[in-house]
Amino acid sequence: MDKPKIAIVLSTTRSERFADKPAAWISELADARGDMAVEIVDLRDYPMPFFDEPASSAWVPSENEVAQRWQKTVDGFDGFIFVTAEYNRGLPAVLKNALDYAYTEWNRKPFACVGYGSVGAARSIEQLRLNCIELQMVPTRTGVHIQGADFFDALQQGRDLRTIPYIEQNAIAMLDELFWWASTLRAPRVQLQAA
């Protein structure tokens, strides 16, 4: 079977975002493993309005063309790594909106999180986990939290993320879990879709 396809989702669209740096770092780590195919997916490329459909796409096809393109993109992956910030103790609105615009495309797929900020986006990720479980997704236990002085050094001083030892250890464990779940769930999910 082919390698599982994993999307690394840039979960904020701010012009001055930090997300590109950890996304490139986790992409490099995942690529080096050789057991999964990773692709960075930028929500800037999917400028959907705030959710304004008659119902969830689980019940009624979306009318918005960008939303339809987003759903097709989500459907093409076996798992996800959300690279996310924390805004006012919650996840970025653009990420929540992107989650809401798809449903069946998320089902029975694993996800992992790389968070950054003063507390490593811990509260944002807790909310994200609840949202994704409602979408019938499977969370990895381990995540990556770039936090405190390490985050501010990376943001303001350009510190190389590879010099922060605890995040690479967590990333390796997280990627192991994500690979296992993506590989394990793919065949039964494909069989169920074909039935």
Protein backbone atom coordinates (compact mmCIF):
# COMPACT_ATOMS: atom_id res chain seq x y z
CA MET A 1 0.00 0.00 0.00
CA ASP A 2 1.14 3.55 -0.73
CA LYS A 3 2.41 5.80 2.02
CA PRO A 4 -0.32 7.57 3.97
CA LYS A 5 -0.87 11.14 2.77
CA ILE A 6 -0.64 13.68 5.58
CA ALA A 7 -1.66 17.33 5.29
CA ILE A 8 0.17 19.88 7.40
CA VAL A 9 -2.50 22.55 7.79
CA LEU A 10 -1.43 26.14 8.39
CA SER A 11 -4.27 27.13 10.70
CA THR A 12 -3.96 30.90 10.65
CA THR A 13 -4.01 33.36 7.76
CA ARG A 14 -2.52 36.42 9.45
CA SER A 15 0.03 38.31 7.38
CA GLU A 16 2.60 38.22 10.19
CA ARG A 17 1.96 34.63 11.27
CA PHE A 18 4.63 32.41 12.82
CA ALA A 19 3.01 29.19 11.49
CA ASP A 20 5.24 28.87 8.43
CA LYS A 21 8.31 28.19 10.56
CA PRO A 22 6.95 25.22 12.58
CA ALA A 23 5.14 23.91 9.49
CA ALA A 24 8.42 23.76 7.55
CA TRP A 25 10.16 22.16 10.56
CA ILE A 26 7.56 19.40 11.08
CA SER A 27 7.38 18.82 7.32
CA GLU A 28 11.15 18.29 7.23
CA LEU A 29 10.99 15.84 10.15
CA ALA A 30 8.10 13.91 8.59
CA ASP A 31 9.76 13.79 5.16
CA ALA A 32 12.98 12.43 6.66
CA ARG A 33 11.09 9.40 8.02
CA GLY A 34 10.25 8.20 4.52
CA ASP A 35 7.06 6.42 5.61
CA MET A 36 4.50 9.14 4.88
CA ALA A 37 3.87 11.66 2.11
CA VAL A 38 3.40 15.13 3.57
CA GLU A 39 2.06 18.29 1.98
CA ILE A 40 1.64 21.75 3.45
CA VAL A 41 -1.93 23.02 3.04
CA ASP A 42 -2.40 26.74 3.60
CA LEU A 43 -5.84 28.06 4.59
CA ARG A 44 -4.93 31.27 2.75
CA ASP A 45 -5.57 29.26 -0.42
CA TYR A 46 -9.15 28.54 0.69
CA PRO A 47 -10.76 31.93 1.45
CA MET A 48 -14.15 30.65 2.58
CA PRO A 49 -16.69 33.03 4.07
CA PHE A 50 -17.87 32.36 7.60
CA PHE A 51 -19.96 29.22 7.44
CA ASP A 52 -23.15 30.15 5.61
CA GLU A 53 -24.56 26.96 4.12
CA PRO A 54 -28.10 25.60 4.53
CA ALA A 55 -26.69 22.76 6.69
CA SER A 56 -23.56 20.74 7.32
CA SER A 57 -22.09 19.11 4.24
CA ALA A 58 -22.93 15.82 5.97
CA TRP A 59 -26.56 16.51 5.01
CA VAL A 60 -26.57 19.02 2.16
CA PRO A 61 -23.86 19.59 -0.48
CA SER A 62 -22.07 22.91 -0.03
CA GLU A 63 -22.91 25.66 -2.51
CA ASN A 64 -19.71 27.68 -2.10
CA GLU A 65 -17.14 26.75 -4.76
CA VAL A 66 -14.14 27.35 -2.47
CA ALA A 67 -15.77 25.13 0.17
CA GLN A 68 -16.23 22.39 -2.44
CA ARG A 69 -12.55 22.67 -3.39
CA TRP A 70 -11.62 22.56 0.31
CA GLN A 71 -13.71 19.42 0.86
CA LYS A 72 -12.01 17.74 -2.09
CA THR A 73 -8.59 18.65 -0.65
CA VAL A 74 -9.49 17.30 2.81
CA ASP A 75 -10.87 14.11 1.27
CA GLY A 76 -7.53 13.42 -0.43
CA PHE A 77 -5.59 12.99 2.82
CA ASP A 78 -5.28 10.12 5.29
CA GLY A 79 -4.34 12.28 8.27
CA PHE A 80 -3.59 15.82 9.38
CA ILE A 81 -1.15 17.88 11.40
CA PHE A 82 -2.70 21.17 12.48
CA VAL A 83 -0.08 23.87 13.07
CA THR A 84 -1.97 26.32 15.22
CA ALA A 85 -1.75 29.44 17.31
CA GLU A 86 -3.94 30.35 20.25
CA TYR A 87 -6.15 33.43 20.06
CA ASN A 88 -7.78 34.53 23.32
CA ARG A 89 -7.52 30.99 24.76
CA GLY A 90 -9.07 29.44 21.67
CA LEU A 91 -8.35 28.22 18.18
CA PRO A 92 -8.15 30.64 15.24
CA ALA A 93 -11.57 31.37 13.72
CA VAL A 94 -10.35 30.53 10.23
CA LEU A 95 -9.44 27.01 11.38
CA LYS A 96 -12.80 26.46 13.08
CA ASN A 97 -14.49 27.67 9.90
CA ALA A 98 -12.46 25.25 7.78
CA LEU A 99 -13.41 22.38 10.10
CA ASP A 100 -17.09 23.31 9.82
CA TYR A 101 -17.07 23.40 6.02
CA ALA A 102 -16.36 19.67 5.75
CA TYR A 103 -17.68 16.65 7.58
CA THR A 104 -17.50 13.24 5.94
CA GLU A 105 -14.12 14.17 4.48
CA TRP A 106 -12.69 14.31 8.03
CA ASN A 107 -14.31 11.10 9.29
CA ARG A 108 -12.15 8.21 10.51
CA LYS A 109 -8.86 10.05 9.98
CA PRO A 110 -6.21 10.85 12.59
CA PHE A 111 -4.85 14.24 13.46
CA ALA A 112 -1.96 15.66 15.44
CA CYS A 113 -1.20 19.18 16.61
CA VAL A 114 1.80 21.49 16.65
CA GLY A 115 0.96 24.54 18.75
CA TYR A 116 2.88 27.69 19.46
CA GLY A 117 2.54 30.67 21.76
CA SER A 118 3.09 31.58 25.40
CA VAL A 119 1.55 28.27 26.55
CA GLY A 120 2.23 26.37 23.32
CA ALA A 121 -1.42 26.76 22.20
CA ALA A 122 -2.42 24.19 24.83
CA ARG A 123 -5.92 25.61 25.29
CA SER A 124 -6.46 26.04 21.57
CA ILE A 125 -5.44 22.43 21.00
CA GLU A 126 -7.80 21.18 23.71
CA GLN A 127 -10.67 22.90 21.89
CA LEU A 128 -9.43 21.61 18.55
CA ARG A 129 -9.40 18.05 19.90
CA LEU A 130 -13.06 18.38 20.97
CA ASN A 131 -14.06 19.76 17.57
CA CYS A 132 -12.19 17.04 15.69
CA ILE A 133 -13.61 14.22 17.80
CA GLU A 134 -17.09 15.48 16.89
CA LEU A 135 -15.97 15.18 13.25
CA GLN A 136 -15.19 11.49 13.97
CA MET A 137 -11.45 12.03 13.86
CA VAL A 138 -8.83 10.28 16.01
CA PRO A 139 -6.37 12.41 18.02
CA THR A 140 -2.80 11.43 18.73
CA ARG A 141 -1.97 11.48 22.41
CA THR A 142 1.30 13.31 21.87
CA GLY A 143 1.54 16.80 20.43
CA VAL A 144 4.14 19.51 20.11
CA HIS A 145 3.90 22.72 22.14
CA ILE A 146 6.42 25.46 21.33
CA GLN A 147 6.04 27.65 24.38
CA GLY A 148 7.35 30.25 26.75
CA ALA A 149 10.83 31.64 26.26
CA ASP A 150 11.54 29.10 23.52
CA PHE A 151 8.62 30.42 21.48
CA PHE A 152 9.56 34.06 22.02
CA ASP A 153 13.20 33.33 21.09
CA ALA A 154 12.03 31.68 17.86
CA LEU A 155 9.57 34.47 17.10
CA GLN A 156 11.68 37.49 17.99
CA GLN A 157 15.27 36.27 17.72
CA GLY A 158 14.88 33.72 14.92
CA ARG A 159 15.93 30.75 17.06
CA ASP A 160 16.13 27.54 15.02
CA LEU A 161 13.42 25.16 16.21
CA ARG A 162 15.86 22.26 15.84
CA THR A 163 17.77 23.62 18.84
CA ILE A 164 14.80 23.11 21.20
CA PRO A 165 15.34 19.48 22.30
CA TYR A 166 11.98 18.71 23.92
CA ILE A 167 9.93 19.55 20.84
CA GLU A 168 11.80 17.14 18.56
CA GLN A 169 11.33 14.29 21.05
CA ASN A 170 7.60 15.05 21.16
CA ALA A 171 7.46 15.39 17.38
CA ILE A 172 9.00 11.95 16.85
CA ALA A 173 6.48 10.33 19.20
CA MET A 174 3.63 12.29 17.62
CA LEU A 175 4.63 11.28 14.09
CA ASP A 176 4.93 7.63 15.17
CA GLU A 177 1.37 7.76 16.54
CA LEU A 178 0.04 9.61 13.50
CA PHE A 179 1.62 7.12 11.11
CA TRP A 180 0.19 4.16 13.02
CA TRP A 181 -3.34 5.59 13.06
CA ALA A 182 -3.23 6.73 9.42
CA SER A 183 -1.99 3.31 8.28
CA THR A 184 -4.42 1.41 10.49
CA LEU A 185 -7.53 3.39 9.56
CA ARG A 186 -6.94 3.77 5.84
CA ALA A 187 -7.90 0.30 4.56
CA PRO A 188 -11.15 -0.05 6.56
CA ARG A 189 -12.10 3.56 5.72
CA VAL A 190 -11.61 2.91 2.01
CA GLN A 191 -13.63 -0.32 2.26
CA LEU A 192 -16.44 1.49 4.05
CA GLN A 193 -16.52 4.24 1.40
CA ALA A 194 -16.65 1.63 -1.37
CA ALA A 195 -19.59 -0.23 0.23
